[in-house]
């Protein structure tokens, strides 16, 4: 297995990627990357805490309670301490129990809900400090996003694969493997075990209760990535190079015949150590599905600039990319229904976490009356500018005025990032209803000072509920 002939077959790509992962905890990060990583850690922790009280979160916690296991890592929003794999599964589902978590448009995935839970679970298990945890999280974003970009994210999704499961699983494995202290050879085996567990089909969009979607996006990739690292740390060996050679990962998922071009494996290594993909990852301003972000930004600007009220509107037309229209058109859940959320914004003048999760308002006659005047269009011009998730809102008012706003850079995206105070405010408002104001404030402050945390286990009292 480990003779010279086997090692000589390791590709330059695998050598570069495995060495980069194995050395991540010793490699300093630029100050801006450390700061942005804190933004995403706090944003994901807030998503997990708030998600612990939503249906997918409650189901995840109840399930993991039945599994037992050694006390290695905490399940957020509970008093349960279990194995790293079980904690990663539950916390991953908590992280995507809602549409609150971050997203990376070029790779078409939600990295935080898988990578942060995996990193947190392994950091707790290994009693790693906050600085190591931050480096592992940034590493996970670098590896996970590059995997699906190498596969051709949007085309790969369009033929039925779930980019939301593939990339984040590799990111979770990289973060967990680095925190487990795996060397370069062990990281090659970890990547192979991750490839064997990697799967997912994009029918998740038909999940009406968001439970399977939470598993597909967060729970499964976090658990499987953590398991891959834990198995190798326990002595498992494996294939030296899953990315090249006979029957490799990219051969198995080569969709050239259907999408017209092959995977680009070299994208896995391109820019490592220079381009940090966490800098290109978006934090949501609104706790709603990603395609709804731009229209809400546009609608809010029109409301505030022109004093528009719901009663003034004869018709509201929303234009987004075709895929975004397909996934948000008259959905049964409030926070992923474009027409409903635009109606709520018009009526309230704002959208809050509470209003985007108020299912009773889905049948409120006032909301339904406004919603009936909302038209959603999948716009081909906006489809062509993907992965930039732009949105256009057009208002026809009863006084004859026609208003239009085109959001090209959504608030919270790489082109229009949220500063620390805005991220802090969003997180605090998600945390406080569950943890109380005092503990929510302490958790926010701890996240901003993670490099001073001597062991990630020290955060457990702040994460319990």
Protein backbone atom coordinates (compact mmCIF):
# COMPACT_ATOMS: atom_id res chain seq x y z
CA UNK A 1 0.00 0.00 0.00
CA UNK A 2 2.69 2.49 0.99
CA UNK A 3 5.61 1.31 -1.17
CA UNK A 4 7.63 3.59 -3.42
CA UNK A 5 5.63 2.78 -6.55
CA UNK A 6 2.41 3.87 -4.82
CA UNK A 7 3.92 7.10 -3.56
CA UNK A 8 5.46 7.91 -6.94
CA UNK A 9 1.96 7.96 -8.43
CA UNK A 10 0.86 10.85 -6.22
CA UNK A 11 0.06 13.79 -8.49
CA UNK A 12 1.48 17.29 -8.02
CA UNK A 13 -2.11 18.42 -7.37
CA UNK A 14 -2.59 16.02 -4.45
CA UNK A 15 0.85 16.85 -3.07
CA UNK A 16 0.04 20.55 -3.09
CA UNK A 17 -3.46 20.23 -1.61
CA UNK A 18 -2.61 17.70 1.11
CA UNK A 19 0.48 19.64 2.18
CA UNK A 20 -1.51 22.86 2.31
CA UNK A 21 -4.14 21.30 4.57
CA UNK A 22 -1.62 19.60 6.84
CA UNK A 23 0.30 22.84 7.36
CA UNK A 24 -2.68 25.12 7.87
CA UNK A 25 -2.52 25.48 11.65
CA UNK A 26 1.08 26.68 11.49
CA UNK A 27 0.46 29.15 8.68
CA UNK A 28 -0.39 32.74 9.70
CA UNK A 29 -3.42 34.33 8.11
CA UNK A 30 -3.64 37.95 6.95
CA UNK A 31 -5.41 40.21 9.43
CA UNK A 32 -8.32 40.82 7.04
CA UNK A 33 -8.86 37.07 6.64
CA UNK A 34 -8.87 36.55 10.41
CA UNK A 35 -11.45 39.31 10.80
CA UNK A 36 -13.67 37.93 8.01
CA UNK A 37 -13.41 34.43 9.47
CA UNK A 38 -14.72 35.76 12.78
CA UNK A 39 -17.68 37.26 10.92
CA UNK A 40 -18.58 33.86 9.51
CA UNK A 41 -17.99 31.97 12.75
CA UNK A 42 -20.29 34.29 14.68
CA UNK A 43 -22.87 34.31 11.89
CA UNK A 44 -22.90 30.48 11.84
CA UNK A 45 -23.02 30.15 15.63
CA UNK A 46 -26.02 32.47 15.62
CA UNK A 47 -27.66 30.38 12.90
CA UNK A 48 -27.08 27.23 14.96
CA UNK A 49 -28.45 28.71 18.19
CA UNK A 50 -31.56 30.11 16.51
CA UNK A 51 -31.92 26.92 14.47
CA UNK A 52 -31.99 24.79 17.60
CA UNK A 53 -35.61 25.85 18.15
CA UNK A 54 -36.78 25.31 14.57
CA UNK A 55 -38.18 21.98 13.38
CA UNK A 56 -35.01 20.63 11.68
CA UNK A 57 -32.95 21.61 14.73
CA UNK A 58 -35.34 20.00 17.17
CA UNK A 59 -35.37 16.80 15.13
CA UNK A 60 -31.56 16.75 14.93
CA UNK A 61 -31.10 17.21 18.68
CA UNK A 62 -33.72 14.57 19.50
CA UNK A 63 -32.08 12.08 17.11
CA UNK A 64 -28.55 12.59 18.38
CA UNK A 65 -29.74 12.14 21.96
CA UNK A 66 -30.58 8.53 21.08
CA UNK A 67 -27.08 7.74 19.81
CA UNK A 68 -25.01 7.96 22.98
CA UNK A 69 -21.25 8.10 22.58
CA UNK A 70 -18.24 9.50 24.38
CA UNK A 71 -18.27 13.12 25.55
CA UNK A 72 -16.18 14.96 22.95
CA UNK A 73 -18.19 17.93 21.68
CA UNK A 74 -21.36 19.84 22.55
CA UNK A 75 -24.63 20.01 20.67
CA UNK A 76 -25.52 23.69 20.53
CA UNK A 77 -28.79 24.79 22.05
CA UNK A 78 -28.90 21.78 24.36
CA UNK A 79 -26.93 20.32 27.27
CA UNK A 80 -25.84 17.30 25.26
CA UNK A 81 -22.15 16.41 24.88
CA UNK A 82 -21.48 13.53 22.50
CA UNK A 83 -18.96 12.27 19.92
CA UNK A 84 -17.47 14.73 17.48
CA UNK A 85 -19.28 13.06 14.56
CA UNK A 86 -22.68 13.17 16.26
CA UNK A 87 -22.18 16.79 17.37
CA UNK A 88 -21.13 17.78 13.84
CA UNK A 89 -24.27 16.13 12.42
CA UNK A 90 -26.62 17.90 14.82
CA UNK A 91 -24.90 21.28 14.70
CA UNK A 92 -24.73 21.13 10.91
CA UNK A 93 -28.47 20.65 10.73
CA UNK A 94 -28.95 23.47 13.24
CA UNK A 95 -26.80 25.71 11.06
CA UNK A 96 -29.09 25.23 8.08
CA UNK A 97 -32.35 24.73 9.96
CA UNK A 98 -33.20 28.11 8.50
CA UNK A 99 -32.07 30.32 5.60
CA UNK A 100 -29.90 32.43 7.92
CA UNK A 101 -26.45 30.97 7.18
CA UNK A 102 -23.79 32.17 4.76
CA UNK A 103 -23.33 31.25 1.10
CA UNK A 104 -20.57 31.20 -1.50
CA UNK A 105 -21.99 32.01 -4.92
CA UNK A 106 -19.17 30.82 -7.24
CA UNK A 107 -19.21 27.31 -5.70
CA UNK A 108 -22.98 27.28 -5.19
CA UNK A 109 -22.86 26.10 -1.60
CA UNK A 110 -23.43 27.16 2.00
CA UNK A 111 -19.98 26.51 3.50
CA UNK A 112 -20.51 27.70 7.07
CA UNK A 113 -23.25 25.27 8.10
CA UNK A 114 -20.95 22.28 7.43
CA UNK A 115 -17.44 23.61 7.99
CA UNK A 116 -17.95 25.52 11.24
CA UNK A 117 -19.74 22.60 13.00
CA UNK A 118 -17.03 20.14 11.88
CA UNK A 119 -14.25 22.47 12.99
CA UNK A 120 -15.97 23.19 16.31
CA UNK A 121 -16.51 19.48 17.03
CA UNK A 122 -12.91 18.53 16.32
CA UNK A 123 -11.53 21.60 18.08
CA UNK A 124 -13.47 20.61 21.20
CA UNK A 125 -12.36 17.00 20.94
CA UNK A 126 -8.72 18.01 20.64
CA UNK A 127 -8.96 20.98 23.09
CA UNK A 128 -7.62 23.31 20.38
CA UNK A 129 -7.37 27.05 20.97
CA UNK A 130 -9.35 29.74 19.21
CA UNK A 131 -6.52 30.73 16.90
CA UNK A 132 -6.19 27.19 15.55
CA UNK A 133 -9.94 26.99 15.16
CA UNK A 134 -10.01 30.18 13.07
CA UNK A 135 -7.25 28.90 10.79
CA UNK A 136 -9.05 25.59 10.33
CA UNK A 137 -12.32 27.32 9.43
CA UNK A 138 -10.63 29.55 6.82
CA UNK A 139 -8.93 26.43 5.44
CA UNK A 140 -12.25 24.63 5.13
CA UNK A 141 -13.71 27.45 3.07
CA UNK A 142 -10.64 27.37 0.79
CA UNK A 143 -10.83 23.64 0.10
CA UNK A 144 -14.59 23.10 0.05
CA UNK A 145 -15.45 25.90 -2.34
CA UNK A 146 -12.65 24.95 -4.72
CA UNK A 147 -13.95 21.37 -5.02
CA UNK A 148 -17.29 22.38 -6.49
CA UNK A 149 -15.73 25.13 -8.61
CA UNK A 150 -13.42 22.45 -10.04
CA UNK A 151 -16.50 20.37 -10.87
CA UNK A 152 -18.19 23.33 -12.59
CA UNK A 153 -20.63 24.42 -9.90
CA UNK A 154 -23.72 25.59 -11.79
CA UNK A 155 -23.61 23.03 -14.58
CA UNK A 156 -22.86 20.31 -12.03
CA UNK A 157 -25.98 21.32 -10.07
CA UNK A 158 -28.11 21.59 -13.19
CA UNK A 159 -27.53 17.93 -14.13
CA UNK A 160 -28.78 16.85 -10.70
CA UNK A 161 -25.85 16.82 -8.26
CA UNK A 162 -25.99 18.74 -4.97
CA UNK A 163 -23.09 21.17 -4.87
CA UNK A 164 -24.31 22.05 -1.37
CA UNK A 165 -23.26 18.58 -0.20
CA UNK A 166 -20.10 17.97 -2.23
CA UNK A 167 -17.93 21.01 -1.54
CA UNK A 168 -18.77 21.57 2.14
CA UNK A 169 -17.97 17.92 2.92
CA UNK A 170 -14.41 18.35 1.67
CA UNK A 171 -14.18 21.65 3.55
CA UNK A 172 -15.38 19.97 6.74
CA UNK A 173 -12.86 17.17 6.30
CA UNK A 174 -9.99 19.59 5.73
CA UNK A 175 -10.87 21.65 8.81
CA UNK A 176 -11.37 18.58 11.00
CA UNK A 177 -8.22 16.90 9.68
CA UNK A 178 -6.07 19.93 10.38
CA UNK A 179 -7.42 20.19 13.95
CA UNK A 180 -6.84 16.46 14.46
CA UNK A 181 -3.17 17.09 13.68
CA UNK A 182 -3.02 14.86 10.60
CA UNK A 183 0.16 14.94 8.54
CA UNK A 184 0.37 15.24 4.77
CA UNK A 185 0.06 11.52 4.10
CA UNK A 186 -2.88 11.19 6.49
CA UNK A 187 -4.61 14.10 4.81
CA UNK A 188 -4.39 12.26 1.48
CA UNK A 189 -6.20 9.33 3.06
CA UNK A 190 -8.74 11.67 4.65
CA UNK A 191 -9.55 13.19 1.27
CA UNK A 192 -10.06 9.70 -0.12
CA UNK A 193 -12.47 8.73 2.67
CA UNK A 194 -14.30 12.00 2.06
CA UNK A 195 -14.63 11.26 -1.66
CA UNK A 196 -16.08 7.83 -0.85
CA UNK A 197 -18.76 9.42 1.33
CA UNK A 198 -19.46 12.35 -0.97
CA UNK A 199 -22.91 12.33 -2.52
CA UNK A 200 -26.06 14.35 -2.93
CA UNK A 201 -28.78 15.05 -5.48
CA UNK A 202 -30.46 18.39 -5.90
CA UNK A 203 -33.99 17.15 -5.30
CA UNK A 204 -33.52 18.69 -1.84
CA UNK A 205 -35.49 21.67 -3.19
CA UNK A 206 -38.64 19.53 -2.94
CA UNK A 207 -38.26 19.18 0.85
CA UNK A 208 -41.15 21.23 2.19
CA UNK A 209 -40.20 21.06 5.89
CA UNK A 210 -36.49 21.86 5.41
CA UNK A 211 -35.43 18.81 7.48
CA UNK A 212 -33.73 16.82 4.74
CA UNK A 213 -32.35 20.05 3.28
CA UNK A 214 -30.73 20.83 6.64
CA UNK A 215 -29.17 17.37 6.59
CA UNK A 216 -28.05 17.65 2.95
CA UNK A 217 -26.49 21.11 3.35
CA UNK A 218 -25.13 20.96 6.89
CA UNK A 219 -25.55 17.74 8.83
CA UNK A 220 -24.32 15.16 6.32
CA UNK A 221 -21.24 17.03 5.06
CA UNK A 222 -20.24 18.06 8.60
CA UNK A 223 -20.62 14.54 9.96
CA UNK A 224 -18.95 12.77 7.04
CA UNK A 225 -16.02 15.17 6.89
CA UNK A 226 -15.48 14.85 10.64
CA UNK A 227 -15.76 11.05 10.41
CA UNK A 228 -13.16 10.89 7.62
CA UNK A 229 -10.65 12.82 9.73
CA UNK A 230 -11.47 10.86 12.90
CA UNK A 231 -11.06 7.48 11.17
CA UNK A 232 -7.66 8.39 9.80
CA UNK A 233 -6.63 9.80 13.18
CA UNK A 234 -7.58 6.39 14.63
CA UNK A 235 -5.20 4.63 12.24
CA UNK A 236 -7.16 4.06 9.02
CA UNK A 237 -5.10 4.15 5.84
CA UNK A 238 -6.41 4.54 2.32
CA UNK A 239 -5.92 5.50 -1.31
CA UNK A 240 -2.99 7.86 -1.73
CA UNK A 241 -4.47 10.05 -4.45
CA UNK A 242 -8.21 10.12 -5.01
CA UNK A 243 -7.95 13.12 -7.34
CA UNK A 244 -5.88 11.45 -10.09
CA UNK A 245 -5.09 8.05 -11.57
CA UNK A 246 -7.43 5.23 -12.49
CA UNK A 247 -11.10 5.64 -11.47
CA UNK A 248 -10.44 8.85 -9.56
CA UNK A 249 -12.95 11.35 -8.14
CA UNK A 250 -12.94 13.64 -11.15
CA UNK A 251 -13.39 10.71 -13.55
CA UNK A 252 -16.38 9.50 -11.53
CA UNK A 253 -18.01 12.92 -11.66
CA UNK A 254 -17.01 13.93 -15.18
CA UNK A 255 -20.22 15.26 -16.77
CA UNK A 256 -18.61 16.32 -20.06
CA UNK A 257 -21.20 14.54 -22.19
CA UNK A 258 -24.02 16.45 -20.52
CA UNK A 259 -22.50 19.86 -19.82
CA UNK A 260 -19.99 20.09 -22.64
CA UNK A 261 -16.77 20.49 -20.69
CA UNK A 262 -14.70 18.41 -18.28
CA UNK A 263 -13.90 19.14 -14.62
CA UNK A 264 -10.90 21.35 -13.89
CA UNK A 265 -9.02 19.57 -11.07
CA UNK A 266 -6.23 22.17 -10.99
CA UNK A 267 -8.69 24.71 -9.59
CA UNK A 268 -8.31 22.85 -6.28
CA UNK A 269 -4.81 24.22 -5.89
CA UNK A 270 -5.03 27.49 -7.79
CA UNK A 271 -4.55 30.46 -5.51
CA UNK A 272 -4.12 28.52 -2.26
CA UNK A 273 -2.42 30.82 0.22
CA UNK A 274 -3.12 33.88 -1.89
CA UNK A 275 -6.87 33.90 -2.57
CA UNK A 276 -8.86 33.13 0.57
CA UNK A 277 -12.36 32.10 -0.43
CA UNK A 278 -13.87 33.15 2.87
CA UNK A 279 -13.32 36.70 1.60
CA UNK A 280 -15.64 35.83 -1.30
CA UNK A 281 -18.36 34.34 0.89
CA UNK A 282 -21.62 36.14 1.58
CA UNK A 283 -23.38 36.81 4.88
CA UNK A 284 -27.11 37.26 4.62
CA UNK A 285 -28.61 40.55 5.68
CA UNK A 286 -32.07 38.98 5.69
CA UNK A 287 -33.00 35.59 7.20
CA UNK A 288 -34.53 34.38 3.94
CA UNK A 289 -33.46 32.31 0.94
CA UNK A 290 -30.54 33.66 -1.06
CA UNK A 291 -32.53 34.58 -4.23
CA UNK A 292 -34.78 36.80 -2.08
CA UNK A 293 -31.91 38.92 -0.71
CA UNK A 294 -31.51 41.26 -3.69
CA UNK A 295 -35.24 41.95 -4.16
CA UNK A 296 -35.62 42.82 -0.47
CA UNK A 297 -32.64 45.19 -0.70
CA UNK A 298 -34.22 46.87 -3.74
CA UNK A 299 -37.68 47.03 -2.20
CA UNK A 300 -36.37 48.55 1.02
CA UNK A 301 -34.52 51.23 -0.93
CA UNK A 302 -37.69 52.12 -2.86
CA UNK A 303 -39.81 52.20 0.30
CA UNK A 304 -37.39 54.51 2.09
CA UNK A 305 -36.57 56.73 -0.88
CA UNK A 306 -40.17 57.29 -2.00
CA UNK A 307 -42.23 56.68 1.13
CA UNK A 308 -44.03 53.76 -0.51
CA UNK A 309 -46.70 51.93 1.47
CA UNK A 310 -48.49 48.69 0.66
CA UNK A 311 -51.73 50.51 -0.16
CA UNK A 312 -49.93 52.62 -2.79
CA UNK A 313 -48.92 49.61 -4.89
CA UNK A 314 -50.96 48.42 -7.83
CA UNK A 315 -48.37 45.87 -8.96
CA UNK A 316 -44.93 44.70 -7.85
CA UNK A 317 -42.74 42.83 -10.34
CA UNK A 318 -39.67 40.97 -9.15
CA UNK A 319 -36.97 39.82 -11.55
CA UNK A 320 -34.24 37.37 -10.51
CA UNK A 321 -32.21 34.64 -12.21
CA UNK A 322 -34.25 31.75 -13.54
CA UNK A 323 -32.95 29.30 -10.92
CA UNK A 324 -33.78 31.73 -8.13
CA UNK A 325 -37.32 32.16 -9.39
CA UNK A 326 -37.79 28.40 -9.58
CA UNK A 327 -36.76 27.82 -5.97
CA UNK A 328 -38.73 30.69 -4.39
CA UNK A 329 -41.95 30.81 -6.40
CA UNK A 330 -44.98 30.58 -4.09
CA UNK A 331 -43.29 28.21 -1.65
CA UNK A 332 -45.11 26.90 1.41
CA UNK A 333 -42.51 28.18 3.91
CA UNK A 334 -42.51 31.96 4.52
CA UNK A 335 -38.75 32.55 4.46
CA UNK A 336 -38.27 30.90 1.05
CA UNK A 337 -41.37 32.37 -0.63
CA UNK A 338 -40.54 35.41 -2.77
CA UNK A 339 -44.08 36.73 -3.09
CA UNK A 340 -44.80 36.40 0.62
CA UNK A 341 -41.59 38.08 1.78
CA UNK A 342 -42.06 41.01 -0.60
CA UNK A 343 -45.61 41.44 0.70
CA UNK A 344 -44.36 41.41 4.29
CA UNK A 345 -41.70 44.01 3.44
CA UNK A 346 -44.32 46.28 1.88
CA UNK A 347 -46.66 45.96 4.85
CA UNK A 348 -44.06 46.26 7.62
CA UNK A 349 -41.44 48.44 5.94
CA UNK A 350 -38.78 45.91 7.05
CA UNK A 351 -38.22 42.16 7.39
CA UNK A 352 -37.14 40.64 10.70
CA UNK A 353 -36.31 37.09 11.78
CA UNK A 354 -39.70 36.94 13.48
CA UNK A 355 -41.68 38.13 10.46
CA UNK A 356 -39.84 35.85 8.05
CA UNK A 357 -40.78 32.84 10.20
CA UNK A 358 -44.35 33.76 11.08
CA UNK A 359 -46.30 30.98 9.37
CA UNK A 360 -49.64 32.40 10.49
CA UNK A 361 -49.11 35.38 8.20
CA UNK A 362 -49.05 33.05 5.21
CA UNK A 363 -52.87 32.98 5.55
CA UNK A 364 -53.36 36.56 6.77
CA UNK A 365 -55.88 38.27 4.43
CA UNK A 366 -53.88 41.53 4.43
CA UNK A 367 -50.70 39.72 3.39
CA UNK A 368 -52.53 37.65 0.80
CA UNK A 369 -54.07 40.76 -0.72
CA UNK A 370 -50.64 42.35 -1.23
CA UNK A 371 -49.09 39.05 -2.30
CA UNK A 372 -51.66 38.72 -5.09
CA UNK A 373 -50.15 41.85 -6.66
CA UNK A 374 -46.60 40.40 -6.74
CA UNK A 375 -45.32 38.87 -9.98
CA UNK A 376 -42.09 36.84 -10.02
CA UNK A 377 -40.15 36.52 -13.29
CA UNK A 378 -37.11 34.37 -14.05
CA UNK A 379 -35.04 36.85 -16.04
CA UNK A 380 -32.58 35.50 -18.62
CA UNK A 381 -30.35 38.58 -18.42
CA UNK A 382 -29.99 38.08 -14.66
CA UNK A 383 -29.39 34.37 -15.20
CA UNK A 384 -26.43 35.24 -17.42
CA UNK A 385 -24.72 37.27 -14.68
CA UNK A 386 -24.69 34.38 -12.19
CA UNK A 387 -23.04 33.73 -9.74
CA UNK A 388 -23.85 37.37 -8.98
CA UNK A 389 -27.34 37.07 -7.46
CA UNK A 390 -28.87 40.31 -8.68
CA UNK A 391 -32.47 41.38 -8.44
CA UNK A 392 -34.77 43.99 -9.99
CA UNK A 393 -37.93 45.34 -8.38
CA UNK A 394 -40.45 47.32 -10.43
CA UNK A 395 -43.34 49.09 -8.73
CA UNK A 396 -46.43 50.37 -10.50
CA UNK A 397 -48.16 52.74 -8.09
CA UNK A 398 -51.82 53.68 -8.04
CA UNK A 399 -50.95 57.35 -8.62
CA UNK A 400 -49.39 56.44 -11.96
CA UNK A 401 -45.74 56.48 -10.91
CA UNK A 402 -43.41 53.68 -12.00
CA UNK A 403 -40.39 52.96 -9.79
CA UNK A 404 -37.51 50.60 -10.44
CA UNK A 405 -34.45 49.48 -8.49
CA UNK A 406 -31.72 47.08 -9.61
CA UNK A 407 -29.56 45.58 -6.83
CA UNK A 408 -26.28 44.44 -8.35
CA UNK A 409 -24.31 43.92 -5.13
CA UNK A 410 -26.46 42.51 -2.34
CA UNK A 411 -25.69 43.78 1.15
CA UNK A 412 -23.44 41.20 2.81
CA UNK A 413 -21.84 39.95 -0.41
CA UNK A 414 -18.17 40.30 -1.26
CA UNK A 415 -18.95 43.38 -3.33
CA UNK A 416 -20.97 45.04 -0.57
CA UNK A 417 -19.88 43.45 2.74
CA UNK A 418 -21.51 43.95 6.11
CA UNK A 419 -19.11 45.59 8.60
CA UNK A 420 -18.54 44.13 12.05
CA UNK A 421 -21.31 46.14 13.78
CA UNK A 422 -23.94 44.88 11.31
CA UNK A 423 -22.83 41.25 11.67
CA UNK A 424 -22.81 41.67 15.45
CA UNK A 425 -26.31 43.17 15.42
CA UNK A 426 -27.69 40.36 13.25
CA UNK A 427 -26.09 37.68 15.44
CA UNK A 428 -27.21 39.25 18.69
CA UNK A 429 -30.84 39.40 17.56
CA UNK A 430 -30.71 35.72 16.59
CA UNK A 431 -29.02 34.67 19.85
CA UNK A 432 -30.84 36.74 22.47
CA UNK A 433 -34.27 35.08 22.27
CA UNK A 434 -32.66 31.70 23.05
CA UNK A 435 -29.71 32.56 25.28
CA UNK A 436 -30.92 35.78 26.89
CA UNK A 437 -29.38 39.18 26.27
CA UNK A 438 -26.48 38.85 28.71
CA UNK A 439 -25.23 35.50 27.44
CA UNK A 440 -25.81 36.52 23.83
CA UNK A 441 -23.60 39.55 24.39
CA UNK A 442 -20.89 37.38 25.97
CA UNK A 443 -20.96 34.95 23.06
CA UNK A 444 -20.66 37.75 20.51
CA UNK A 445 -17.74 39.23 22.43
CA UNK A 446 -16.06 35.83 22.69
CA UNK A 447 -16.34 35.33 18.93
CA UNK A 448 -14.67 38.67 18.24
CA UNK A 449 -11.81 37.66 20.55
CA UNK A 450 -11.38 34.02 19.53
CA UNK A 451 -7.61 34.27 19.26
CA UNK A 452 -7.56 34.72 23.04
CA UNK A 453 -9.63 31.58 23.76
CA UNK A 454 -7.27 28.94 25.17
CA UNK A 455 -9.61 26.01 24.48
CA UNK A 456 -12.74 25.89 22.37
CA UNK A 457 -14.30 23.83 25.14
CA UNK A 458 -14.47 27.05 27.13
CA UNK A 459 -17.31 28.23 24.91
CA UNK A 460 -19.63 25.40 25.95
CA UNK A 461 -21.37 27.31 28.77
CA UNK A 462 -22.25 30.07 26.30
CA UNK A 463 -23.66 27.64 23.73
CA UNK A 464 -25.97 25.66 26.00
CA UNK A 465 -29.67 26.32 26.30
